[in-house]
Amino acid sequence: MTFIFGSGGIGAGNFLRLKTVLKTIATSFGISSKRSRASIVTFSDSSASVSASFESFTSTKEFQDSLSSLTYKDKRGDIRLALKLAEKTVFPKARKGVAKIAVVVIDGRENNNGQWQDSVLSLGKAGIRVLLLGIGSEIKRESLRKLVEKDDDLVIKDSFITLLKEDRKSTRLNS
């Protein structure tokens, strides 16, 4: 599974909450060298980077420690760069025969006129299951539902605080 997110649009406090949410999701999958593996793709300003590759972790704790070490960047970025990087660079290194999952976090205020949605659809066409986690009051379920395979692959909450109050079963990201 690959976590794709930027921090500039959510603020420093919410960035800490986001890391907590992602740690919970990772725990539900159980990261290890023989089970689920994880990577992290982040974006800010005019760039995207692989903050951690699939080979970086042999345990959930290592993954959580890596998330903890990520720093907040206050510049909004172009999520398309991160989605393309994940599709072209990260997922080709995934183990064969294992489900490929992208957990994409959005804040609903993308500033590239919705063109990022084509990049999400491209992941799906490449056989990558996309789980969209939309946080914020500007999220429109009807425009995002077409980007995911199943209703349960789209989770929308008005804030990170609301999401943190719910247990991981009700967020449906561990199905």
Protein backbone atom coordinates (compact mmCIF):
# COMPACT_ATOMS: atom_id res chain seq x y z
CA MET A 1 0.00 0.00 0.00
CA THR A 2 1.18 3.49 -0.77
CA PHE A 3 0.11 6.55 1.20
CA ILE A 4 -0.07 9.69 -0.96
CA PHE A 5 -0.50 13.05 0.72
CA GLY A 6 0.66 16.64 1.00
CA SER A 7 0.69 18.83 4.07
CA GLY A 8 0.47 22.38 2.75
CA GLY A 9 -3.29 22.49 2.40
CA ILE A 10 -4.17 21.07 5.79
CA GLY A 11 -2.11 23.07 8.29
CA ALA A 12 0.47 22.00 10.86
CA GLY A 13 -2.01 20.75 13.49
CA ASN A 14 -3.91 18.66 11.00
CA PHE A 15 -0.66 17.27 9.63
CA LEU A 16 -0.02 15.71 13.05
CA ARG A 17 -3.57 14.32 13.05
CA LEU A 18 -3.08 12.95 9.53
CA LYS A 19 0.02 11.07 10.63
CA THR A 20 -1.98 9.54 13.49
CA VAL A 21 -4.72 8.43 11.08
CA LEU A 22 -2.18 6.89 8.68
CA LYS A 23 -0.49 5.04 11.55
CA THR A 24 -3.86 3.55 12.50
CA ILE A 25 -4.52 2.44 8.93
CA ALA A 26 -1.05 0.90 8.68
CA THR A 27 -1.59 -0.98 11.94
CA SER A 28 -4.82 -2.46 10.60
CA PHE A 29 -2.96 -3.89 7.60
CA GLY A 30 0.01 -5.21 9.62
CA ILE A 31 3.20 -4.19 7.84
CA SER A 32 6.02 -6.73 7.63
CA SER A 33 8.44 -8.07 5.06
CA LYS A 34 6.21 -11.14 4.55
CA ARG A 35 2.77 -9.48 4.79
CA SER A 36 1.65 -6.03 3.72
CA ARG A 37 4.32 -3.58 2.69
CA ALA A 38 3.99 0.18 2.60
CA SER A 39 5.50 3.24 0.97
CA ILE A 40 5.00 6.97 1.33
CA VAL A 41 4.75 9.55 -1.46
CA THR A 42 4.48 13.19 -0.43
CA PHE A 43 4.07 16.40 -2.37
CA SER A 44 4.56 20.09 -1.71
CA ASP A 45 5.18 23.19 -3.79
CA SER A 46 6.16 21.99 -7.28
CA SER A 47 7.55 18.57 -6.45
CA ALA A 48 6.69 15.09 -5.23
CA SER A 49 8.99 12.56 -3.63
CA VAL A 50 9.09 8.99 -2.43
CA SER A 51 9.62 9.51 1.29
CA ALA A 52 9.84 5.75 1.86
CA SER A 53 9.80 2.79 -0.51
CA PHE A 54 8.29 -0.68 -0.09
CA GLU A 55 11.66 -2.08 0.95
CA SER A 56 12.10 0.48 3.73
CA PHE A 57 10.12 -1.31 6.46
CA THR A 58 10.05 -4.74 8.03
CA SER A 59 7.48 -3.86 10.72
CA THR A 60 4.54 -1.61 11.42
CA LYS A 61 6.60 0.17 14.08
CA GLU A 62 9.30 1.08 11.54
CA PHE A 63 6.61 2.49 9.27
CA GLN A 64 5.05 4.46 12.11
CA ASP A 65 8.46 5.83 13.09
CA SER A 66 9.02 6.95 9.50
CA LEU A 67 5.66 8.73 9.47
CA SER A 68 6.55 10.41 12.77
CA SER A 69 9.77 11.76 11.29
CA LEU A 70 8.03 13.49 8.35
CA THR A 71 8.00 17.25 8.67
CA TYR A 72 5.25 19.70 7.84
CA LYS A 73 5.71 21.69 4.64
CA ASP A 74 3.50 24.73 4.36
CA LYS A 75 3.38 25.02 0.57
CA ARG A 76 0.42 23.58 -1.33
CA GLY A 77 1.45 21.21 -4.04
CA ASP A 78 0.18 19.50 -7.15
CA ILE A 79 -1.17 16.08 -6.22
CA ARG A 80 -0.90 14.98 -9.87
CA LEU A 81 2.89 14.85 -9.49
CA ALA A 82 2.59 12.49 -6.53
CA LEU A 83 0.01 10.26 -8.21
CA LYS A 84 2.13 9.92 -11.35
CA LEU A 85 5.25 9.25 -9.28
CA ALA A 86 3.46 6.48 -7.40
CA GLU A 87 2.14 4.92 -10.60
CA LYS A 88 5.40 5.07 -12.57
CA THR A 89 8.03 4.60 -9.85
CA VAL A 90 6.59 3.06 -6.68
CA PHE A 91 4.00 0.50 -7.78
CA PRO A 92 6.19 -1.16 -10.44
CA LYS A 93 8.42 -2.25 -7.51
CA ALA A 94 5.52 -3.93 -5.69
CA ARG A 95 5.55 -7.69 -5.32
CA LYS A 96 3.85 -9.57 -8.13
CA GLY A 97 0.49 -11.17 -7.36
CA VAL A 98 -0.19 -8.94 -4.36
CA ALA A 99 -2.96 -6.34 -4.23
CA LYS A 100 -1.75 -2.81 -4.91
CA ILE A 101 -3.50 -0.11 -2.87
CA ALA A 102 -3.10 3.66 -2.94
CA VAL A 103 -4.45 5.59 0.04
CA VAL A 104 -4.88 9.11 -1.33
CA VAL A 105 -5.61 11.95 1.10
CA ILE A 106 -7.27 15.06 -0.31
CA ASP A 107 -8.62 18.26 1.22
CA GLY A 108 -11.09 19.15 -1.52
CA ARG A 109 -9.31 22.34 -2.49
CA GLU A 110 -7.20 21.11 -5.37
CA ASN A 111 -6.13 24.04 -7.49
CA ASN A 112 -5.65 22.38 -10.86
CA ASN A 113 -9.29 22.39 -11.99
CA GLY A 114 -9.92 18.74 -11.20
CA GLN A 115 -7.22 17.48 -13.55
CA TRP A 116 -5.81 15.43 -10.67
CA GLN A 117 -8.83 13.14 -11.04
CA ASP A 118 -7.44 11.83 -14.34
CA SER A 119 -4.32 10.76 -12.46
CA VAL A 120 -6.44 8.88 -9.91
CA LEU A 121 -8.32 7.12 -12.72
CA SER A 122 -4.98 6.19 -14.29
CA LEU A 123 -4.02 4.37 -11.08
CA GLY A 124 -7.25 2.38 -11.26
CA LYS A 125 -6.62 1.47 -14.90
CA ALA A 126 -3.16 0.23 -13.87
CA GLY A 127 -4.77 -2.25 -11.47
CA ILE A 128 -4.19 -0.21 -8.34
CA ARG A 129 -7.09 -0.02 -5.88
CA VAL A 130 -7.59 3.60 -4.85
CA LEU A 131 -8.87 4.47 -1.39
CA LEU A 132 -9.76 8.16 -1.20
CA LEU A 133 -9.76 9.87 2.18
CA GLY A 134 -11.35 13.29 1.78
CA ILE A 135 -11.12 15.68 4.71
CA GLY A 136 -12.88 19.04 4.75
CA SER A 137 -16.16 20.80 4.16
CA GLU A 138 -15.47 21.34 0.44
CA ILE A 139 -15.42 17.64 -0.45
CA LYS A 140 -18.11 16.61 -2.95
CA ARG A 141 -18.96 12.90 -2.70
CA GLU A 142 -20.73 12.79 -6.06
CA SER A 143 -17.68 14.03 -7.95
CA LEU A 144 -15.30 11.64 -6.16
CA ARG A 145 -17.33 8.43 -6.20
CA LYS A 146 -16.50 7.79 -9.86
CA LEU A 147 -12.81 7.67 -8.94
CA VAL A 148 -13.03 4.59 -6.74
CA GLU A 149 -14.15 1.03 -7.34
CA LYS A 150 -16.57 0.68 -4.41
CA ASP A 151 -18.54 3.01 -2.15
CA ASP A 152 -16.42 1.85 0.79
CA ASP A 153 -13.26 3.06 -0.99
CA LEU A 154 -14.35 6.66 -0.43
CA VAL A 155 -14.30 8.08 3.09
CA ILE A 156 -15.28 11.71 3.62
CA LYS A 157 -15.11 13.52 6.95
CA ASP A 158 -15.50 17.19 7.75
CA SER A 159 -12.30 17.25 9.84
CA PHE A 160 -9.39 15.16 11.07
CA ILE A 161 -10.80 15.46 14.56
CA THR A 162 -14.03 13.79 13.43
CA LEU A 163 -12.06 11.02 11.75
CA LEU A 164 -9.89 10.45 14.81
CA LYS A 165 -12.96 10.05 17.01
CA GLU A 166 -14.09 7.04 14.99
CA ASP A 167 -12.40 3.68 15.23
CA ARG A 168 -10.70 2.20 12.20
CA LYS A 169 -13.61 -0.14 11.47
CA SER A 170 -15.95 2.73 10.86
CA THR A 171 -13.45 4.48 8.57
CA ARG A 172 -13.65 1.38 6.35
CA LEU A 173 -10.08 1.72 5.21
CA ASN A 174 -9.06 -1.69 6.46
CA SER A 175 -11.52 -3.71 4.35
